[in-house]
Amino acid sequence: MATKTTAPKSVTYSGGLDSVTLHFLSGHVVTFPNGTPVDVCAEDAVVLSDHPDFRPAAKATTTPQPEEG
C-alpha cells in the first residue's frame, strides 16, 4: 500500500491551559503552547479540525517595504 505525503499543517491551540501535549494515533507526540502556531502532519491536523480549542494558524503577513526612488 502506497503512502501519500502531504505538507505539514500549522495549527494554534487557544484553550484554557498554558500548553497541552497530545499523543496522536499516528504515533506523534506534540506539545502545543497556547497561542503559538505548531506544525503537524496532515493526518494529525484532521484529528484536530473538529476540536474547538484548535484552529488553523493565521498566515504570516509581510509588510511591503517602500521603494526607494
Protein backbone atom coordinates (compact mmCIF):
# COMPACT_ATOMS: atom_id res chain seq x y z
CA MET A 1 0.00 0.00 0.00
CA ALA A 2 1.43 3.33 -1.04
CA THR A 3 1.52 6.14 1.46
CA LYS A 4 0.63 9.64 0.45
CA THR A 5 2.74 12.53 1.69
CA THR A 6 1.31 15.96 2.21
CA ALA A 7 2.67 19.20 3.53
CA PRO A 8 2.52 19.82 7.26
CA LYS A 9 -0.31 21.98 8.56
CA SER A 10 0.12 24.73 11.11
CA VAL A 11 -2.42 24.86 13.95
CA THR A 12 -2.81 27.01 17.05
CA TYR A 13 -4.11 25.93 20.45
CA SER A 14 -6.35 28.50 22.15
CA GLY A 15 -7.73 26.61 25.14
CA GLY A 16 -7.65 27.44 28.82
CA LEU A 17 -4.25 25.95 29.67
CA ASP A 18 -0.73 27.32 29.11
CA SER A 19 0.00 24.33 26.86
CA VAL A 20 -1.18 20.80 26.09
CA THR A 21 0.69 17.70 24.96
CA LEU A 22 -1.20 15.28 22.73
CA HIS A 23 -0.37 11.69 21.78
CA PHE A 24 -1.82 11.04 18.31
CA LEU A 25 -2.77 7.66 16.82
CA SER A 26 -0.09 8.39 14.20
CA GLY A 27 2.48 7.91 16.98
CA HIS A 28 3.40 11.59 17.11
CA VAL A 29 3.61 13.38 20.45
CA VAL A 30 3.16 17.13 20.06
CA THR A 31 3.15 19.95 22.62
CA PHE A 32 1.02 22.98 21.77
CA PRO A 33 1.89 26.17 23.70
CA ASN A 34 -1.18 28.41 23.94
CA GLY A 35 -1.33 30.89 21.04
CA THR A 36 1.77 29.56 19.29
CA PRO A 37 1.48 28.04 15.78
CA VAL A 38 2.74 24.44 15.65
CA ASP A 39 3.28 22.37 12.50
CA VAL A 40 1.66 18.92 12.49
CA CYS A 41 1.28 16.32 9.76
CA ALA A 42 -1.91 16.40 7.69
CA GLU A 43 -3.23 13.26 9.45
CA ASP A 44 -2.91 14.89 12.89
CA ALA A 45 -4.43 18.15 11.59
CA VAL A 46 -7.56 16.23 10.53
CA VAL A 47 -7.90 14.88 14.08
CA LEU A 48 -7.74 18.43 15.46
CA SER A 49 -10.01 20.02 12.85
CA ASP A 50 -13.26 19.45 14.78
CA HIS A 51 -11.87 20.45 18.19
CA PRO A 52 -12.90 23.96 19.30
CA ASP A 53 -9.56 24.66 21.05
CA PHE A 54 -7.53 24.19 17.85
CA ARG A 55 -7.71 26.23 14.68
CA PRO A 56 -5.56 26.71 11.60
CA ALA A 57 -2.75 29.13 12.30
CA ALA A 58 -3.04 32.55 10.72
CA LYS A 59 -0.95 33.02 7.63
CA ALA A 60 2.10 35.16 8.20
CA THR A 61 1.74 38.56 6.65
CA THR A 62 4.57 40.65 5.36
CA THR A 63 4.76 44.40 5.38
CA PRO A 64 5.71 45.77 1.97
CA GLN A 65 8.91 47.78 2.01
CA PRO A 66 8.72 51.24 0.45
CA GLU A 67 10.56 51.56 -2.82
CA GLU A 68 13.47 53.92 -2.94
CA GLY A 69 13.45 56.32 -5.77
